[in-house]
Amino acid sequence: TLSGLLASAAGLFLTFITYSGEASAANGSTYTLYSIAAVVLGGVSLFGGSGSAVGAIFGALMFRTIGDLLFVFNVEPLWQPLFQGLVLFAAVCLGTARLLRIRNRLDLYG
């Protein structure tokens, strides 16, 4: 299937980037967090029901751009995850506020 093909291509790219074929938890957890963060930045709700593939792609580009800009502005590497986490936290807060506003509007009319 297309999903399996893309997953194998992603695995090969990860092998090329890390120069290792070792499947360790240390490598996987970092990339899992980044992928979830990129999707949330793209507008996909953590509660389900909303979002698109195009938004997820733009979220990944935005998350990568944030990391690159922090590098360009000579932010210490130890501080970069903090700033990325703050951006992710803001995105989750905005998504949750939007969900609560919709839920309150439905409760008002329901």
N, C-alpha and C. Protein backbone atom coordinates (compact mmCIF):
# COMPACT_ATOMS: atom_id res chain seq x y z
N THR A 1 0.84 -1.19 0.00
CA THR A 1 0.00 0.00 0.00
C THR A 1 0.88 1.24 0.00
N LEU A 2 0.25 2.35 -0.26
CA LEU A 2 0.97 3.63 -0.29
C LEU A 2 1.52 3.97 1.08
N SER A 3 0.77 3.66 2.11
CA SER A 3 1.21 3.94 3.48
C SER A 3 2.49 3.17 3.80
N GLY A 4 2.54 1.90 3.45
CA GLY A 4 3.74 1.09 3.70
C GLY A 4 4.93 1.58 2.91
N LEU A 5 4.69 2.01 1.67
CA LEU A 5 5.77 2.54 0.84
C LEU A 5 6.36 3.80 1.45
N LEU A 6 5.49 4.70 1.90
CA LEU A 6 5.97 5.95 2.49
C LEU A 6 6.67 5.70 3.83
N ALA A 7 6.17 4.74 4.61
CA ALA A 7 6.83 4.41 5.88
C ALA A 7 8.22 3.84 5.64
N SER A 8 8.37 2.98 4.64
CA SER A 8 9.69 2.43 4.35
C SER A 8 10.63 3.51 3.81
N ALA A 9 10.11 4.43 3.00
CA ALA A 9 10.93 5.54 2.51
C ALA A 9 11.39 6.42 3.68
N ALA A 10 10.49 6.67 4.63
CA ALA A 10 10.86 7.48 5.80
C ALA A 10 11.92 6.76 6.62
N GLY A 11 11.81 5.44 6.76
CA GLY A 11 12.82 4.68 7.49
C GLY A 11 14.17 4.74 6.81
N LEU A 12 14.19 4.67 5.49
CA LEU A 12 15.45 4.78 4.76
C LEU A 12 16.06 6.16 4.92
N PHE A 13 15.24 7.21 4.82
CA PHE A 13 15.75 8.56 5.01
C PHE A 13 16.31 8.75 6.41
N LEU A 14 15.64 8.20 7.42
CA LEU A 14 16.14 8.30 8.79
C LEU A 14 17.47 7.57 8.93
N THR A 15 17.61 6.44 8.27
CA THR A 15 18.87 5.71 8.29
C THR A 15 19.98 6.54 7.65
N PHE A 16 19.68 7.22 6.55
CA PHE A 16 20.69 8.04 5.88
C PHE A 16 21.07 9.25 6.72
N ILE A 17 20.10 9.84 7.40
CA ILE A 17 20.36 11.04 8.19
C ILE A 17 21.18 10.71 9.43
N THR A 18 20.84 9.63 10.12
CA THR A 18 21.52 9.29 11.38
C THR A 18 22.76 8.44 11.17
N TYR A 19 23.01 8.00 9.95
CA TYR A 19 24.15 7.13 9.63
C TYR A 19 24.14 5.86 10.47
N SER A 20 22.96 5.39 10.80
CA SER A 20 22.85 4.20 11.64
C SER A 20 21.56 3.47 11.33
N GLY A 21 21.63 2.15 11.36
CA GLY A 21 20.42 1.35 11.19
C GLY A 21 19.86 0.86 12.50
N GLU A 22 20.42 1.37 13.60
CA GLU A 22 20.00 0.93 14.93
C GLU A 22 18.65 1.55 15.29
N ALA A 23 17.74 0.70 15.71
CA ALA A 23 16.42 1.18 16.12
C ALA A 23 16.41 1.32 17.64
N SER A 24 16.85 2.47 18.11
CA SER A 24 16.89 2.68 19.56
C SER A 24 15.76 3.61 19.98
N ALA A 25 15.38 3.51 21.23
CA ALA A 25 14.30 4.34 21.75
C ALA A 25 14.70 5.81 21.79
N ALA A 26 15.98 6.08 21.96
CA ALA A 26 16.42 7.47 22.04
C ALA A 26 16.18 8.20 20.73
N ASN A 27 16.43 7.56 19.60
CA ASN A 27 16.19 8.19 18.31
C ASN A 27 14.71 8.31 18.02
N GLY A 28 13.97 7.27 18.29
CA GLY A 28 12.56 7.25 17.93
C GLY A 28 11.71 8.23 18.70
N SER A 29 11.97 8.39 19.99
CA SER A 29 11.13 9.27 20.79
C SER A 29 11.29 10.73 20.37
N THR A 30 12.48 11.12 19.98
CA THR A 30 12.71 12.49 19.53
C THR A 30 11.93 12.77 18.26
N TYR A 31 12.00 11.87 17.31
CA TYR A 31 11.30 12.09 16.05
C TYR A 31 9.80 11.98 16.21
N THR A 32 9.34 11.17 17.15
CA THR A 32 7.91 11.08 17.41
C THR A 32 7.39 12.40 17.95
N LEU A 33 8.10 13.00 18.90
CA LEU A 33 7.68 14.28 19.45
C LEU A 33 7.66 15.35 18.37
N TYR A 34 8.68 15.39 17.54
CA TYR A 34 8.73 16.39 16.47
C TYR A 34 7.60 16.21 15.48
N SER A 35 7.28 14.97 15.15
CA SER A 35 6.21 14.75 14.18
C SER A 35 4.85 15.13 14.75
N ILE A 36 4.60 14.83 16.02
CA ILE A 36 3.33 15.23 16.63
C ILE A 36 3.26 16.75 16.75
N ALA A 37 4.36 17.38 17.11
CA ALA A 37 4.39 18.83 17.22
C ALA A 37 4.12 19.49 15.87
N ALA A 38 4.70 18.96 14.82
CA ALA A 38 4.49 19.53 13.49
C ALA A 38 3.03 19.42 13.07
N VAL A 39 2.41 18.30 13.36
CA VAL A 39 1.01 18.11 12.99
C VAL A 39 0.11 19.04 13.78
N VAL A 40 0.40 19.23 15.06
CA VAL A 40 -0.40 20.14 15.88
C VAL A 40 -0.23 21.57 15.40
N LEU A 41 0.99 21.97 15.04
CA LEU A 41 1.20 23.30 14.49
C LEU A 41 0.47 23.49 13.17
N GLY A 42 0.24 22.41 12.45
CA GLY A 42 -0.47 22.48 11.19
C GLY A 42 -1.98 22.59 11.33
N GLY A 43 -2.47 22.56 12.56
CA GLY A 43 -3.89 22.77 12.77
C GLY A 43 -4.70 21.53 13.05
N VAL A 44 -4.05 20.39 13.20
CA VAL A 44 -4.77 19.16 13.52
C VAL A 44 -5.06 19.16 15.02
N SER A 45 -6.30 18.90 15.38
CA SER A 45 -6.70 18.92 16.78
C SER A 45 -6.22 17.65 17.48
N LEU A 46 -5.73 17.81 18.70
CA LEU A 46 -5.34 16.65 19.50
C LEU A 46 -6.56 15.85 19.94
N PHE A 47 -7.73 16.47 19.87
CA PHE A 47 -8.96 15.81 20.28
C PHE A 47 -9.65 15.10 19.12
N GLY A 48 -9.10 15.23 17.92
CA GLY A 48 -9.64 14.55 16.75
C GLY A 48 -10.71 15.36 16.05
N GLY A 49 -11.02 14.96 14.83
CA GLY A 49 -12.12 15.54 14.09
C GLY A 49 -11.81 16.71 13.20
N SER A 50 -10.63 17.28 13.28
CA SER A 50 -10.32 18.41 12.41
C SER A 50 -8.85 18.36 12.00
N GLY A 51 -8.57 18.92 10.85
CA GLY A 51 -7.22 18.96 10.34
C GLY A 51 -7.14 18.40 8.93
N SER A 52 -6.02 18.66 8.28
CA SER A 52 -5.84 18.18 6.92
C SER A 52 -4.38 17.81 6.70
N ALA A 53 -4.14 17.06 5.66
CA ALA A 53 -2.77 16.67 5.33
C ALA A 53 -1.95 17.88 4.90
N VAL A 54 -2.57 18.80 4.18
CA VAL A 54 -1.86 20.01 3.75
C VAL A 54 -1.46 20.84 4.96
N GLY A 55 -2.36 20.95 5.94
CA GLY A 55 -2.02 21.67 7.17
C GLY A 55 -0.89 21.01 7.92
N ALA A 56 -0.87 19.68 7.94
CA ALA A 56 0.20 18.96 8.61
C ALA A 56 1.54 19.20 7.92
N ILE A 57 1.54 19.25 6.60
CA ILE A 57 2.77 19.52 5.86
C ILE A 57 3.27 20.93 6.15
N PHE A 58 2.35 21.91 6.16
CA PHE A 58 2.75 23.27 6.48
C PHE A 58 3.22 23.39 7.93
N GLY A 59 2.62 22.61 8.82
CA GLY A 59 3.07 22.59 10.21
C GLY A 59 4.48 22.06 10.33
N ALA A 60 4.80 21.02 9.56
CA ALA A 60 6.16 20.47 9.56
C ALA A 60 7.16 21.50 9.03
N LEU A 61 6.77 22.19 7.97
CA LEU A 61 7.65 23.24 7.42
C LEU A 61 7.84 24.37 8.43
N MET A 62 6.76 24.74 9.11
CA MET A 62 6.84 25.81 10.10
C MET A 62 7.71 25.40 11.28
N PHE A 63 7.56 24.17 11.74
CA PHE A 63 8.35 23.69 12.88
C PHE A 63 9.83 23.65 12.52
N ARG A 64 10.13 23.22 11.31
CA ARG A 64 11.52 23.17 10.87
C ARG A 64 12.09 24.59 10.70
N THR A 65 11.26 25.50 10.20
CA THR A 65 11.69 26.88 10.02
C THR A 65 12.01 27.54 11.36
N ILE A 66 11.22 27.23 12.37
CA ILE A 66 11.49 27.77 13.71
C ILE A 66 12.86 27.31 14.19
N GLY A 67 13.16 26.03 14.02
CA GLY A 67 14.47 25.51 14.41
C GLY A 67 15.60 26.16 13.63
N ASP A 68 15.40 26.37 12.34
CA ASP A 68 16.43 27.00 11.52
C ASP A 68 16.64 28.47 11.91
N LEU A 69 15.54 29.18 12.20
CA LEU A 69 15.67 30.58 12.61
C LEU A 69 16.39 30.71 13.95
N LEU A 70 16.13 29.79 14.84
CA LEU A 70 16.85 29.83 16.12
C LEU A 70 18.34 29.61 15.90
N PHE A 71 18.70 28.77 14.95
CA PHE A 71 20.11 28.55 14.62
C PHE A 71 20.71 29.81 13.99
N VAL A 72 19.96 30.45 13.10
CA VAL A 72 20.46 31.65 12.43
C VAL A 72 20.69 32.78 13.43
N PHE A 73 19.81 32.90 14.42
CA PHE A 73 19.95 33.95 15.43
C PHE A 73 20.89 33.56 16.57
N ASN A 74 21.66 32.52 16.37
CA ASN A 74 22.69 32.07 17.32
C ASN A 74 22.14 31.78 18.72
N VAL A 75 20.96 31.21 18.78
CA VAL A 75 20.41 30.77 20.06
C VAL A 75 21.16 29.50 20.45
N GLU A 76 21.55 29.41 21.71
CA GLU A 76 22.28 28.25 22.19
C GLU A 76 21.49 26.97 21.92
N PRO A 77 22.15 25.90 21.50
CA PRO A 77 21.44 24.65 21.20
C PRO A 77 20.64 24.09 22.37
N LEU A 78 21.06 24.36 23.59
CA LEU A 78 20.31 23.87 24.74
C LEU A 78 18.99 24.61 24.93
N TRP A 79 18.88 25.83 24.40
CA TRP A 79 17.65 26.61 24.54
C TRP A 79 16.67 26.38 23.40
N GLN A 80 17.12 25.82 22.30
CA GLN A 80 16.25 25.65 21.14
C GLN A 80 15.03 24.79 21.43
N PRO A 81 15.15 23.64 22.12
CA PRO A 81 13.93 22.87 22.42
C PRO A 81 12.94 23.63 23.30
N LEU A 82 13.44 24.52 24.16
CA LEU A 82 12.55 25.32 24.99
C LEU A 82 11.68 26.23 24.12
N PHE A 83 12.30 26.92 23.18
CA PHE A 83 11.53 27.81 22.31
C PHE A 83 10.57 27.03 21.42
N GLN A 84 11.01 25.89 20.92
CA GLN A 84 10.11 25.06 20.12
C GLN A 84 8.96 24.55 20.97
N GLY A 85 9.24 24.21 22.21
CA GLY A 85 8.18 23.77 23.12
C GLY A 85 7.20 24.87 23.44
N LEU A 86 7.69 26.10 23.58
CA LEU A 86 6.79 27.22 23.83
C LEU A 86 5.87 27.47 22.65
N VAL A 87 6.40 27.36 21.45
CA VAL A 87 5.56 27.52 20.26
C VAL A 87 4.52 26.40 20.20
N LEU A 88 4.93 25.19 20.50
CA LEU A 88 3.99 24.07 20.53
C LEU A 88 2.93 24.27 21.60
N PHE A 89 3.33 24.73 22.78
CA PHE A 89 2.39 24.99 23.87
C PHE A 89 1.37 26.05 23.46
N ALA A 90 1.84 27.10 22.80
CA ALA A 90 0.92 28.15 22.33
C ALA A 90 -0.06 27.59 21.30
N ALA A 91 0.41 26.72 20.41
CA ALA A 91 -0.48 26.13 19.41
C ALA A 91 -1.53 25.25 20.06
N VAL A 92 -1.13 24.47 21.05
CA VAL A 92 -2.10 23.61 21.75
C VAL A 92 -3.10 24.46 22.52
N CYS A 93 -2.64 25.54 23.16
CA CYS A 93 -3.55 26.42 23.89
C CYS A 93 -4.56 27.08 22.95
N LEU A 94 -4.10 27.52 21.79
CA LEU A 94 -5.03 28.13 20.84
C LEU A 94 -6.04 27.11 20.33
N GLY A 95 -5.60 25.91 20.05
CA GLY A 95 -6.52 24.87 19.60
C GLY A 95 -7.54 24.49 20.66
N THR A 96 -7.09 24.43 21.91
CA THR A 96 -8.00 24.11 23.00
C THR A 96 -9.00 25.23 23.23
N ALA A 97 -8.53 26.48 23.16
CA ALA A 97 -9.44 27.62 23.32
C ALA A 97 -10.50 27.62 22.22
N ARG A 98 -10.09 27.30 21.00
CA ARG A 98 -11.05 27.24 19.89
C ARG A 98 -12.07 26.14 20.12
N LEU A 99 -11.61 24.99 20.61
CA LEU A 99 -12.52 23.88 20.88
C LEU A 99 -13.50 24.24 22.00
N LEU A 100 -13.02 24.88 23.05
CA LEU A 100 -13.90 25.28 24.15
C LEU A 100 -14.92 26.32 23.71
N ARG A 101 -14.51 27.24 22.85
CA ARG A 101 -15.43 28.25 22.34
C ARG A 101 -16.54 27.60 21.52
N ILE A 102 -16.17 26.62 20.69
CA ILE A 102 -17.19 25.91 19.90
C ILE A 102 -18.10 25.11 20.81
N ARG A 103 -17.53 24.45 21.80
CA ARG A 103 -18.35 23.65 22.72
C ARG A 103 -19.32 24.53 23.51
N ASN A 104 -18.85 25.69 23.97
CA ASN A 104 -19.73 26.60 24.69
C ASN A 104 -20.84 27.14 23.80
N ARG A 105 -20.52 27.39 22.54
CA ARG A 105 -21.54 27.86 21.60
C ARG A 105 -22.59 26.77 21.38
N LEU A 106 -22.16 25.52 21.28
CA LEU A 106 -23.11 24.43 21.11
C LEU A 106 -23.95 24.23 22.36
N ASP A 107 -23.36 24.40 23.54
CA ASP A 107 -24.12 24.28 24.78
C ASP A 107 -25.15 25.39 24.90
N LEU A 108 -24.83 26.56 24.37
CA LEU A 108 -25.75 27.69 24.43
C LEU A 108 -27.00 27.42 23.61
N TYR A 109 -26.83 26.80 22.44
CA TYR A 109 -27.97 26.53 21.57
C TYR A 109 -28.59 25.16 21.81
N GLY A 110 -27.94 24.30 22.58
CA GLY A 110 -28.42 22.93 22.76
C GLY A 110 -29.20 22.75 23.95
